[in-house]
Amino acid sequence: HTVRRQSIKRGEPRQMPSLPHTAESTVREEHFSSRRKQLEDYLTNILKMPMYRNYHGTMEFVGVSQLSFIHDLGPKGIEGFIMKRSGGHRIPGLNCCGQGRMCYRWSKRWLVVKDSFLMYMKPDSGAISFVLLVDKEFNIKIGQKETETKYGLQIDNLSRSLILKCNSYRHAQWWRQGIDEFIRKHGKDFLTEHRFGSYAAVQENTLAKCPNFPIYTSLFYLVSWVVEYEDEWLCLQATSAVFFIFLYFLRLSPEIFMKRPVVEGNRWRLDCILKRKA
């Protein structure tokens, strides 16, 4: 940062904005609004300076990351550092063979909350380590009794029970309330079961049509039916292919399990099916 300060481009603001020096305890009630305006102006000036805006400490304080404002990922939820515990997967083969606490490993991760999923990233590289989808079994528990962890937070879905450790009980309550309110507001469609047992709600008046399946009125309806209700049918079509496999989906994770529940490891995961056929 010393080198960056010395090599800052001309024309860019160089002077650090001044923070009000008056102690919070000495501010009178009638001055609260002006005090708030001073702090807002201070943070605004900080964020106008690229050197300080991109500093990891500033991003942590504001609660943003490189994935915060990507439109296709949905609205921004709460973000921040958290300690996560390894294990908890419901898929055979992804957990450690041990059963005791000595087998667990705690790691510091940056947790990002979106409308249809939660994910955590490695703080040093920004690489995405795990994505937890919001589904009909999505649930949040708090407390040492439920999580077996002091200041623990447990997030469940159909594929995993993720254990997080917070700094205090108040911190755990903040995460629980923030996640629950955000998902209830923006991701409520994923919390209930829909037609044909699908995770996705019916989309009316869509422009996408599928001529090969005239019984279905929209591509989203077809995806909902194929992926969640007729996975074995899709697996049969893919495994019986001779020359080509066309993926007609708008967005599809290559690591989706086409047969659930998972009882044969990764055999029926889409990318493994394609590799096997290749």
C-alpha atoms as a PDB file:
ATOM      1  CA  HIS A   1       0.000   0.000   0.000  1.00  0.00           C
ATOM      2  CA  THR A   2       2.963   2.334   0.476  1.00  0.00           C
ATOM      3  CA  VAL A   3       3.955   1.775  -3.149  1.00  0.00           C
ATOM      4  CA  ARG A   4       0.377   2.280  -4.287  1.00  0.00           C
ATOM      5  CA  ARG A   5       0.122   5.562  -2.370  1.00  0.00           C
ATOM      6  CA  GLN A   6       3.349   6.794  -3.972  1.00  0.00           C
ATOM      7  CA  SER A   7       2.282   5.769  -7.465  1.00  0.00           C
ATOM      8  CA  ILE A   8      -1.289   7.058  -7.300  1.00  0.00           C
ATOM      9  CA  LYS A   9      -2.428   8.671 -10.528  1.00  0.00           C
ATOM     10  CA  ARG A  10      -2.571  12.422 -10.776  1.00  0.00           C
ATOM     11  CA  GLY A  11      -6.039  13.823 -10.563  1.00  0.00           C
ATOM     12  CA  GLU A  12      -7.233  11.174  -8.098  1.00  0.00           C
ATOM     13  CA  PRO A  13      -8.080  12.351  -4.566  1.00  0.00           C
ATOM     14  CA  ARG A  14      -5.085  11.871  -2.311  1.00  0.00           C
ATOM     15  CA  GLN A  15      -6.075  13.340   1.011  1.00  0.00           C
ATOM     16  CA  MET A  16      -7.740  11.045   3.489  1.00  0.00           C
ATOM     17  CA  PRO A  17     -11.139  12.477   4.500  1.00  0.00           C
ATOM     18  CA  SER A  18     -11.309  13.535   8.107  1.00  0.00           C
ATOM     19  CA  LEU A  19     -13.410  11.593  10.579  1.00  0.00           C
ATOM     20  CA  PRO A  20     -15.389  13.615  13.151  1.00  0.00           C
ATOM     21  CA  HIS A  21     -13.418  13.646  16.411  1.00  0.00           C
ATOM     22  CA  THR A  22     -16.319  14.180  18.783  1.00  0.00           C
ATOM     23  CA  ALA A  23     -16.996  11.147  20.973  1.00  0.00           C
ATOM     24  CA  GLU A  24     -20.348   9.475  20.439  1.00  0.00           C
ATOM     25  CA  SER A  25     -21.209   9.699  24.138  1.00  0.00           C
ATOM     26  CA  THR A  26     -20.961  13.476  24.073  1.00  0.00           C
ATOM     27  CA  VAL A  27     -23.261  14.042  21.083  1.00  0.00           C
ATOM     28  CA  ARG A  28     -26.611  15.484  22.072  1.00  0.00           C
ATOM     29  CA  GLU A  29     -29.827  13.960  20.819  1.00  0.00           C
ATOM     30  CA  GLU A  30     -30.722  16.987  18.725  1.00  0.00           C
ATOM     31  CA  HIS A  31     -27.417  16.604  16.871  1.00  0.00           C
ATOM     32  CA  PHE A  32     -27.896  12.928  15.933  1.00  0.00           C
ATOM     33  CA  SER A  33     -29.083  13.699  12.408  1.00  0.00           C
ATOM     34  CA  SER A  34     -26.117  15.946  11.621  1.00  0.00           C
ATOM     35  CA  ARG A  35     -23.747  13.412  13.170  1.00  0.00           C
ATOM     36  CA  ARG A  36     -25.193  10.687  10.968  1.00  0.00           C
ATOM     37  CA  LYS A  37     -24.770  12.909   7.916  1.00  0.00           C
ATOM     38  CA  GLN A  38     -21.096  13.492   8.794  1.00  0.00           C
ATOM     39  CA  LEU A  39     -20.451   9.749   9.018  1.00  0.00           C
ATOM     40  CA  GLU A  40     -22.273   9.134   5.731  1.00  0.00           C
ATOM     41  CA  ASP A  41     -20.173  11.784   3.991  1.00  0.00           C
ATOM     42  CA  TYR A  42     -16.997  10.292   5.466  1.00  0.00           C
ATOM     43  CA  LEU A  43     -17.796   6.783   4.163  1.00  0.00           C
ATOM     44  CA  THR A  44     -18.883   8.161   0.788  1.00  0.00           C
ATOM     45  CA  ASN A  45     -15.560   9.976   0.371  1.00  0.00           C
ATOM     46  CA  ILE A  46     -13.669   6.834   1.351  1.00  0.00           C
ATOM     47  CA  LEU A  47     -15.500   4.791  -1.285  1.00  0.00           C
ATOM     48  CA  LYS A  48     -14.755   7.387  -3.965  1.00  0.00           C
ATOM     49  CA  MET A  49     -11.032   6.654  -3.614  1.00  0.00           C
ATOM     50  CA  PRO A  50     -10.117   3.448  -5.523  1.00  0.00           C
ATOM     51  CA  MET A  51      -7.145   2.706  -3.271  1.00  0.00           C
ATOM     52  CA  TYR A  52      -9.319   2.577  -0.154  1.00  0.00           C
ATOM     53  CA  ARG A  53     -12.450   1.250  -1.849  1.00  0.00           C
ATOM     54  CA  ASN A  54     -10.655  -1.929  -2.992  1.00  0.00           C
ATOM     55  CA  TYR A  55      -8.848  -2.446   0.301  1.00  0.00           C
ATOM     56  CA  HIS A  56      -9.928  -5.720   1.910  1.00  0.00           C
ATOM     57  CA  GLY A  57     -10.577  -4.048   5.264  1.00  0.00           C
ATOM     58  CA  THR A  58     -12.983  -1.577   3.661  1.00  0.00           C
ATOM     59  CA  MET A  59     -14.810  -4.333   1.785  1.00  0.00           C
ATOM     60  CA  GLU A  60     -15.151  -6.332   4.999  1.00  0.00           C
ATOM     61  CA  PHE A  61     -16.480  -3.312   6.889  1.00  0.00           C
ATOM     62  CA  VAL A  62     -19.048  -2.488   4.214  1.00  0.00           C
ATOM     63  CA  GLY A  63     -19.904  -6.179   3.707  1.00  0.00           C
ATOM     64  CA  VAL A  64     -19.333  -6.564  -0.036  1.00  0.00           C
ATOM     65  CA  SER A  65     -17.377  -8.900  -2.297  1.00  0.00           C
ATOM     66  CA  GLN A  66     -16.760  -9.407  -6.003  1.00  0.00           C
ATOM     67  CA  LEU A  67     -20.066 -11.288  -6.244  1.00  0.00           C
ATOM     68  CA  SER A  68     -22.270  -8.775  -4.432  1.00  0.00           C
ATOM     69  CA  PHE A  69     -23.711  -6.845  -7.357  1.00  0.00           C
ATOM     70  CA  ILE A  70     -23.780  -9.348 -10.216  1.00  0.00           C
ATOM     71  CA  HIS A  71     -27.297  -8.992 -11.603  1.00  0.00           C
ATOM     72  CA  ASP A  72     -27.692 -12.625 -12.701  1.00  0.00           C
ATOM     73  CA  LEU A  73     -26.956 -13.843  -9.162  1.00  0.00           C
ATOM     74  CA  GLY A  74     -29.969 -12.059  -7.715  1.00  0.00           C
ATOM     75  CA  PRO A  75     -30.264  -9.333  -5.076  1.00  0.00           C
ATOM     76  CA  LYS A  76     -27.528  -8.747  -2.537  1.00  0.00           C
ATOM     77  CA  GLY A  77     -27.931 -10.324   0.873  1.00  0.00           C
ATOM     78  CA  ILE A  78     -25.799 -10.077   3.992  1.00  0.00           C
ATOM     79  CA  GLU A  79     -22.137 -11.080   3.770  1.00  0.00           C
ATOM     80  CA  GLY A  80     -19.233 -11.468   6.142  1.00  0.00           C
ATOM     81  CA  PHE A  81     -16.530 -13.658   7.607  1.00  0.00           C
ATOM     82  CA  ILE A  82     -17.599 -16.780   9.425  1.00  0.00           C
ATOM     83  CA  MET A  83     -16.013 -19.950  10.808  1.00  0.00           C
ATOM     84  CA  LYS A  84     -17.423 -23.061   9.153  1.00  0.00           C
ATOM     85  CA  ARG A  85     -17.051 -26.668  10.230  1.00  0.00           C
ATOM     86  CA  SER A  86     -16.172 -29.416   7.800  1.00  0.00           C
ATOM     87  CA  GLY A  87     -18.527 -32.343   7.172  1.00  0.00           C
ATOM     88  CA  GLY A  88     -22.278 -32.456   7.463  1.00  0.00           C
ATOM     89  CA  HIS A  89     -22.853 -33.728   3.923  1.00  0.00           C
ATOM     90  CA  ARG A  90     -25.766 -36.076   3.327  1.00  0.00           C
ATOM     91  CA  ILE A  91     -24.133 -37.382   0.146  1.00  0.00           C
ATOM     92  CA  PRO A  92     -22.150 -40.596   0.806  1.00  0.00           C
ATOM     93  CA  GLY A  93     -18.399 -40.246   0.423  1.00  0.00           C
ATOM     94  CA  LEU A  94     -18.111 -36.498   1.097  1.00  0.00           C
ATOM     95  CA  ASN A  95     -17.723 -36.764   4.869  1.00  0.00           C
ATOM     96  CA  CYS A  96     -14.724 -37.858   6.898  1.00  0.00           C
ATOM     97  CA  CYS A  97     -14.810 -41.452   8.065  1.00  0.00           C
ATOM     98  CA  GLY A  98     -14.435 -40.357  11.682  1.00  0.00           C
ATOM     99  CA  GLN A  99     -17.352 -39.698  13.961  1.00  0.00           C
ATOM    100  CA  GLY A 100     -15.859 -37.630  16.782  1.00  0.00           C
ATOM    101  CA  ARG A 101     -15.061 -33.973  17.176  1.00  0.00           C
ATOM    102  CA  MET A 102     -11.378 -34.632  16.553  1.00  0.00           C
ATOM    103  CA  CYS A 103     -12.253 -35.247  12.917  1.00  0.00           C
ATOM    104  CA  TYR A 104     -13.817 -31.819  12.402  1.00  0.00           C
ATOM    105  CA  ARG A 105     -11.858 -28.930  10.914  1.00  0.00           C
ATOM    106  CA  TRP A 106     -12.728 -25.252  11.275  1.00  0.00           C
ATOM    107  CA  SER A 107     -11.925 -22.822   8.463  1.00  0.00           C
ATOM    108  CA  LYS A 108     -12.441 -19.102   8.017  1.00  0.00           C
ATOM    109  CA  ARG A 109     -14.640 -18.326   5.021  1.00  0.00           C
ATOM    110  CA  TRP A 110     -16.518 -15.383   3.506  1.00  0.00           C
ATOM    111  CA  LEU A 111     -20.235 -16.218   3.545  1.00  0.00           C
ATOM    112  CA  VAL A 112     -22.521 -14.778   0.848  1.00  0.00           C
ATOM    113  CA  VAL A 113     -26.326 -14.933   1.077  1.00  0.00           C
ATOM    114  CA  LYS A 114     -28.407 -14.840  -2.124  1.00  0.00           C
ATOM    115  CA  ASP A 115     -32.092 -15.413  -2.828  1.00  0.00           C
ATOM    116  CA  SER A 116     -31.774 -19.052  -3.937  1.00  0.00           C
ATOM    117  CA  PHE A 117     -28.494 -20.153  -2.340  1.00  0.00           C
ATOM    118  CA  LEU A 118     -25.774 -19.530   0.211  1.00  0.00           C
ATOM    119  CA  MET A 119     -22.105 -19.932  -0.581  1.00  0.00           C
ATOM    120  CA  TYR A 120     -18.765 -19.415   1.094  1.00  0.00           C
ATOM    121  CA  MET A 121     -15.446 -18.443  -0.454  1.00  0.00           C
ATOM    122  CA  LYS A 122     -11.804 -18.674   0.524  1.00  0.00           C
ATOM    123  CA  PRO A 123     -10.695 -15.260   1.792  1.00  0.00           C
ATOM    124  CA  ASP A 124      -7.219 -15.371   0.222  1.00  0.00           C
ATOM    125  CA  SER A 125      -8.142 -16.338  -3.344  1.00  0.00           C
ATOM    126  CA  GLY A 126     -11.878 -15.636  -3.536  1.00  0.00           C
ATOM    127  CA  ALA A 127     -12.478 -19.145  -4.864  1.00  0.00           C
ATOM    128  CA  ILE A 128     -15.966 -20.519  -4.208  1.00  0.00           C
ATOM    129  CA  SER A 129     -15.697 -23.510  -1.878  1.00  0.00           C
ATOM    130  CA  PHE A 130     -19.326 -24.617  -1.491  1.00  0.00           C
ATOM    131  CA  VAL A 131     -22.842 -23.650  -2.543  1.00  0.00           C
ATOM    132  CA  LEU A 132     -25.841 -24.501  -0.350  1.00  0.00           C
ATOM    133  CA  LEU A 133     -29.130 -24.342  -2.258  1.00  0.00           C
ATOM    134  CA  VAL A 134     -32.378 -23.093  -0.740  1.00  0.00           C
ATOM    135  CA  ASP A 135     -34.948 -25.905  -0.914  1.00  0.00           C
ATOM    136  CA  LYS A 136     -38.033 -27.162   0.889  1.00  0.00           C
ATOM    137  CA  GLU A 137     -35.925 -28.514   3.780  1.00  0.00           C
ATOM    138  CA  PHE A 138     -34.060 -25.238   4.303  1.00  0.00           C
ATOM    139  CA  ASN A 139     -33.939 -24.455   8.014  1.00  0.00           C
ATOM    140  CA  ILE A 140     -31.795 -22.474  10.468  1.00  0.00           C
ATOM    141  CA  LYS A 141     -31.037 -23.478  14.055  1.00  0.00           C
ATOM    142  CA  ILE A 142     -29.116 -21.583  16.683  1.00  0.00           C
ATOM    143  CA  GLY A 143     -27.603 -22.424  20.052  1.00  0.00           C
ATOM    144  CA  GLN A 144     -25.108 -24.838  21.538  1.00  0.00           C
ATOM    145  CA  LYS A 145     -27.733 -27.508  22.234  1.00  0.00           C
ATOM    146  CA  GLU A 146     -28.813 -27.769  18.592  1.00  0.00           C
ATOM    147  CA  THR A 147     -25.400 -27.242  16.973  1.00  0.00           C
ATOM    148  CA  GLU A 148     -23.043 -28.758  19.585  1.00  0.00           C
ATOM    149  CA  THR A 149     -20.988 -25.580  19.148  1.00  0.00           C
ATOM    150  CA  LYS A 150     -20.701 -22.502  21.340  1.00  0.00           C
ATOM    151  CA  TYR A 151     -22.376 -19.611  19.511  1.00  0.00           C
ATOM    152  CA  GLY A 152     -23.174 -22.081  16.753  1.00  0.00           C
ATOM    153  CA  LEU A 153     -25.452 -21.670  13.753  1.00  0.00           C
ATOM    154  CA  GLN A 154     -26.755 -24.652  11.785  1.00  0.00           C
ATOM    155  CA  ILE A 155     -28.161 -24.310   8.261  1.00  0.00           C
ATOM    156  CA  ASP A 156     -29.883 -27.388   6.830  1.00  0.00           C
ATOM    157  CA  ASN A 157     -31.094 -28.358   3.381  1.00  0.00           C
ATOM    158  CA  LEU A 158     -31.609 -31.618   1.508  1.00  0.00           C
ATOM    159  CA  SER A 159     -27.886 -32.130   0.882  1.00  0.00           C
ATOM    160  CA  ARG A 160     -26.064 -30.840   3.965  1.00  0.00           C
ATOM    161  CA  SER A 161     -26.176 -29.624   7.555  1.00  0.00           C
ATOM    162  CA  LEU A 162     -23.724 -26.732   7.599  1.00  0.00           C
ATOM    163  CA  ILE A 163     -22.358 -25.718  11.025  1.00  0.00           C
ATOM    164  CA  LEU A 164     -21.075 -22.176  11.480  1.00  0.00           C
ATOM    165  CA  LYS A 165     -19.415 -20.623  14.529  1.00  0.00           C
ATOM    166  CA  CYS A 166     -19.977 -16.977  15.440  1.00  0.00           C
ATOM    167  CA  ASN A 167     -18.179 -14.584  17.763  1.00  0.00           C
ATOM    168  CA  SER A 168     -21.072 -14.265  20.209  1.00  0.00           C
ATOM    169  CA  TYR A 169     -24.699 -15.241  20.681  1.00  0.00           C
ATOM    170  CA  ARG A 170     -25.726 -11.801  19.444  1.00  0.00           C
ATOM    171  CA  HIS A 171     -23.619 -12.331  16.319  1.00  0.00           C
ATOM    172  CA  ALA A 172     -25.297 -15.692  15.713  1.00  0.00           C
ATOM    173  CA  GLN A 173     -28.715 -14.103  16.151  1.00  0.00           C
ATOM    174  CA  TRP A 174     -27.776 -11.414  13.628  1.00  0.00           C
ATOM    175  CA  TRP A 175     -26.824 -14.025  11.025  1.00  0.00           C
ATOM    176  CA  ARG A 176     -29.925 -16.126  11.666  1.00  0.00           C
ATOM    177  CA  GLN A 177     -32.306 -13.190  11.453  1.00  0.00           C
ATOM    178  CA  GLY A 178     -30.591 -11.699   8.405  1.00  0.00           C
ATOM    179  CA  ILE A 179     -30.584 -14.958   6.448  1.00  0.00           C
ATOM    180  CA  ASP A 180     -34.130 -15.899   7.408  1.00  0.00           C
ATOM    181  CA  GLU A 181     -35.635 -12.499   6.560  1.00  0.00           C
ATOM    182  CA  PHE A 182     -33.788 -12.275   3.241  1.00  0.00           C
ATOM    183  CA  ILE A 183     -34.754 -15.785   2.106  1.00  0.00           C
ATOM    184  CA  ARG A 184     -38.373 -15.329   3.203  1.00  0.00           C
ATOM    185  CA  LYS A 185     -38.555 -12.113   1.213  1.00  0.00           C
ATOM    186  CA  HIS A 186     -36.665 -12.999  -1.981  1.00  0.00           C
ATOM    187  CA  GLY A 187     -36.510 -16.806  -2.102  1.00  0.00           C
ATOM    188  CA  LYS A 188     -39.855 -17.968  -0.728  1.00  0.00           C
ATOM    189  CA  ASP A 189     -40.672 -19.818  -3.979  1.00  0.00           C
ATOM    190  CA  PHE A 190     -37.846 -22.267  -3.278  1.00  0.00           C
ATOM    191  CA  LEU A 191     -39.055 -23.098   0.245  1.00  0.00           C
ATOM    192  CA  THR A 192     -42.180 -24.949  -0.867  1.00  0.00           C
ATOM    193  CA  GLU A 193     -42.798 -27.934  -3.084  1.00  0.00           C
ATOM    194  CA  HIS A 194     -44.386 -27.206  -6.439  1.00  0.00           C
ATOM    195  CA  ARG A 195     -46.112 -29.119  -9.203  1.00  0.00           C
ATOM    196  CA  PHE A 196     -44.719 -32.620  -9.841  1.00  0.00           C
ATOM    197  CA  GLY A 197     -42.499 -32.315  -6.758  1.00  0.00           C
ATOM    198  CA  SER A 198     -40.375 -29.647  -8.431  1.00  0.00           C
ATOM    199  CA  TYR A 199     -38.248 -27.091  -6.584  1.00  0.00           C
ATOM    200  CA  ALA A 200     -39.176 -24.391  -9.128  1.00  0.00           C
ATOM    201  CA  ALA A 201     -42.455 -22.509  -9.293  1.00  0.00           C
ATOM    202  CA  VAL A 202     -44.527 -22.459 -12.469  1.00  0.00           C
ATOM    203  CA  GLN A 203     -43.589 -19.541 -14.725  1.00  0.00           C
ATOM    204  CA  GLU A 204     -46.540 -18.146 -16.634  1.00  0.00           C
ATOM    205  CA  ASN A 205     -46.405 -16.274 -19.966  1.00  0.00           C
ATOM    206  CA  THR A 206     -42.808 -17.197 -20.753  1.00  0.00           C
ATOM    207  CA  LEU A 207     -41.460 -16.663 -24.246  1.00  0.00           C
ATOM    208  CA  ALA A 208     -39.473 -19.904 -24.325  1.00  0.00           C
ATOM    209  CA  LYS A 209     -41.296 -22.795 -25.957  1.00  0.00           C
ATOM    210  CA  CYS A 210     -40.240 -26.389 -26.516  1.00  0.00           C
ATOM    211  CA  PRO A 211     -41.664 -27.836 -29.778  1.00  0.00           C
ATOM    212  CA  ASN A 212     -40.450 -31.354 -29.010  1.00  0.00           C
ATOM    213  CA  PHE A 213     -42.765 -31.571 -25.993  1.00  0.00           C
ATOM    214  CA  PRO A 214     -46.062 -29.938 -27.056  1.00  0.00           C
ATOM    215  CA  ILE A 215     -47.786 -30.945 -23.812  1.00  0.00           C
ATOM    216  CA  TYR A 216     -45.678 -28.401 -21.901  1.00  0.00           C
ATOM    217  CA  THR A 217     -46.364 -24.711 -22.330  1.00  0.00           C
ATOM    218  CA  SER A 218     -42.949 -23.369 -21.301  1.00  0.00           C
ATOM    219  CA  LEU A 219     -39.339 -24.404 -21.079  1.00  0.00           C
ATOM    220  CA  PHE A 220     -39.290 -23.693 -17.329  1.00  0.00           C
ATOM    221  CA  TYR A 221     -42.175 -26.133 -16.895  1.00  0.00           C
ATOM    222  CA  LEU A 222     -40.225 -28.744 -18.863  1.00  0.00           C
ATOM    223  CA  VAL A 223     -37.005 -28.206 -16.879  1.00  0.00           C
ATOM    224  CA  SER A 224     -38.971 -28.422 -13.639  1.00  0.00           C
ATOM    225  CA  TRP A 225     -40.527 -31.710 -14.751  1.00  0.00           C
ATOM    226  CA  VAL A 226     -37.400 -33.310 -16.229  1.00  0.00           C
ATOM    227  CA  VAL A 227     -34.852 -32.364 -13.556  1.00  0.00           C
ATOM    228  CA  GLU A 228     -36.975 -32.906 -10.470  1.00  0.00           C
ATOM    229  CA  TYR A 229     -39.640 -35.413 -11.484  1.00  0.00           C
ATOM    230  CA  GLU A 230     -38.267 -37.491 -14.343  1.00  0.00           C
ATOM    231  CA  ASP A 231     -34.549 -37.625 -13.579  1.00  0.00           C
ATOM    232  CA  GLU A 232     -34.365 -41.314 -14.395  1.00  0.00           C
ATOM    233  CA  TRP A 233     -35.925 -40.643 -17.794  1.00  0.00           C
ATOM    234  CA  LEU A 234     -33.247 -38.024 -18.542  1.00  0.00           C
ATOM    235  CA  CYS A 235     -30.512 -40.358 -17.309  1.00  0.00           C
ATOM    236  CA  LEU A 236     -31.841 -43.077 -19.609  1.00  0.00           C
ATOM    237  CA  GLN A 237     -31.740 -40.713 -22.588  1.00  0.00           C
ATOM    238  CA  ALA A 238     -28.201 -39.577 -21.784  1.00  0.00           C
ATOM    239  CA  THR A 239     -26.772 -43.027 -21.113  1.00  0.00           C
ATOM    240  CA  SER A 240     -28.352 -44.483 -24.265  1.00  0.00           C
ATOM    241  CA  ALA A 241     -26.914 -41.758 -26.512  1.00  0.00           C
ATOM    242  CA  VAL A 242     -24.656 -42.939 -29.339  1.00  0.00           C
ATOM    243  CA  PHE A 243     -23.327 -39.811 -31.048  1.00  0.00           C
ATOM    244  CA  PHE A 244     -24.525 -36.602 -29.420  1.00  0.00           C
ATOM    245  CA  ILE A 245     -25.956 -35.291 -26.145  1.00  0.00           C
ATOM    246  CA  PHE A 246     -27.666 -31.901 -26.446  1.00  0.00           C
ATOM    247  CA  LEU A 247     -28.128 -29.860 -23.264  1.00  0.00           C
ATOM    248  CA  TYR A 248     -31.159 -27.680 -23.901  1.00  0.00           C
ATOM    249  CA  PHE A 249     -31.275 -25.979 -20.509  1.00  0.00           C
ATOM    250  CA  LEU A 250     -30.781 -22.260 -20.024  1.00  0.00           C
ATOM    251  CA  ARG A 251     -28.766 -22.688 -16.819  1.00  0.00           C
ATOM    252  CA  LEU A 252     -27.728 -26.037 -15.464  1.00  0.00           C
ATOM    253  CA  SER A 253     -25.014 -26.875 -12.976  1.00  0.00           C
ATOM    254  CA  PRO A 254     -22.731 -29.647 -14.278  1.00  0.00           C
ATOM    255  CA  GLU A 255     -22.602 -31.067 -10.746  1.00  0.00           C
ATOM    256  CA  ILE A 256     -26.338 -31.645 -10.422  1.00  0.00           C
ATOM    257  CA  PHE A 257     -27.351 -35.168  -9.375  1.00  0.00           C
ATOM    258  CA  MET A 258     -29.795 -36.552 -11.910  1.00  0.00           C
ATOM    259  CA  LYS A 259     -30.944 -39.341  -9.587  1.00  0.00           C
ATOM    260  CA  ARG A 260     -31.881 -38.537  -6.013  1.00  0.00           C
ATOM    261  CA  PRO A 261     -31.454 -39.515  -3.266  1.00  0.00           C
ATOM    262  CA  VAL A 262     -27.767 -40.115  -3.915  1.00  0.00           C
ATOM    263  CA  VAL A 263     -26.912 -43.720  -3.109  1.00  0.00           C
ATOM    264  CA  GLU A 264     -24.163 -44.493  -5.654  1.00  0.00           C
ATOM    265  CA  GLY A 265     -21.663 -41.730  -5.040  1.00  0.00           C
ATOM    266  CA  ASN A 266     -21.137 -39.495  -8.071  1.00  0.00           C
ATOM    267  CA  ARG A 267     -22.261 -42.035 -10.663  1.00  0.00           C
ATOM    268  CA  TRP A 268     -25.393 -40.124 -11.645  1.00  0.00           C
ATOM    269  CA  ARG A 269     -23.942 -36.624 -11.408  1.00  0.00           C
ATOM    270  CA  LEU A 270     -24.354 -34.886 -14.765  1.00  0.00           C
ATOM    271  CA  ASP A 271     -20.674 -34.169 -15.406  1.00  0.00           C
ATOM    272  CA  CYS A 272     -19.792 -37.778 -14.531  1.00  0.00           C
ATOM    273  CA  ILE A 273     -22.467 -39.072 -16.926  1.00  0.00           C
ATOM    274  CA  LEU A 274     -21.035 -36.935 -19.733  1.00  0.00           C
ATOM    275  CA  LYS A 275     -17.465 -38.010 -18.984  1.00  0.00           C
ATOM    276  CA  ARG A 276     -18.514 -41.650 -18.935  1.00  0.00           C
ATOM    277  CA  LYS A 277     -20.252 -41.350 -22.297  1.00  0.00           C
ATOM    278  CA  ALA A 278     -17.298 -39.440 -23.768  1.00  0.00           C
END
